[in-house]
Amino acid sequence: MKVVFSLFVLVGLGIFLAYQFGGIGSFSPADQAAKLKAEVTPGLTWQQVADKRPPRRYRAYIMTDKGFPGLGAEVKFNRAEFEPLVKDGTFSMGFLFMYLFDGEHQYEVNFGPEGKVTSIEKMMTIHDLLPN
């Protein structure tokens, strides 16, 4: 019984320490999103943006089969694979980085074909559709 009690105390202490000193208690998706919006401005290169906060995913602007502009599939961001695509002109219509902080704070950073930021926009989420 003493072993079980000691185990509960140790687990409780570990959770408390992780919360207090591990950054769990102070993490705020809203603050992270605001920081991204403040740091990323039109004219920055994709390298500067990726250095500040690497995206998890990106999408390319494409011409659809029907001749209308659209978005390609989401692709996992890998800098070593992404850089040659920008250099060889694969993104002739531009591309965007996706930043998903939580269900409410989601942004896309839009880039022109030359790889410079054109805008940062809030993505539509379910929170935008529900009444407050």
Foldseek 3Di string as FASTA:
>chain_A
DVVVVVVVVVVVVVVVCCCPPVCVVVDDLVVVLVVLQVVADFFAFQVVSCVVPNFQWKWAWDQDPVRHIDIDDIDGDDPVVVVVCLVVQVRQAWMWGWDDSDQQFIKIFTAGSNGTTPDIDGDDGVVVVDDD
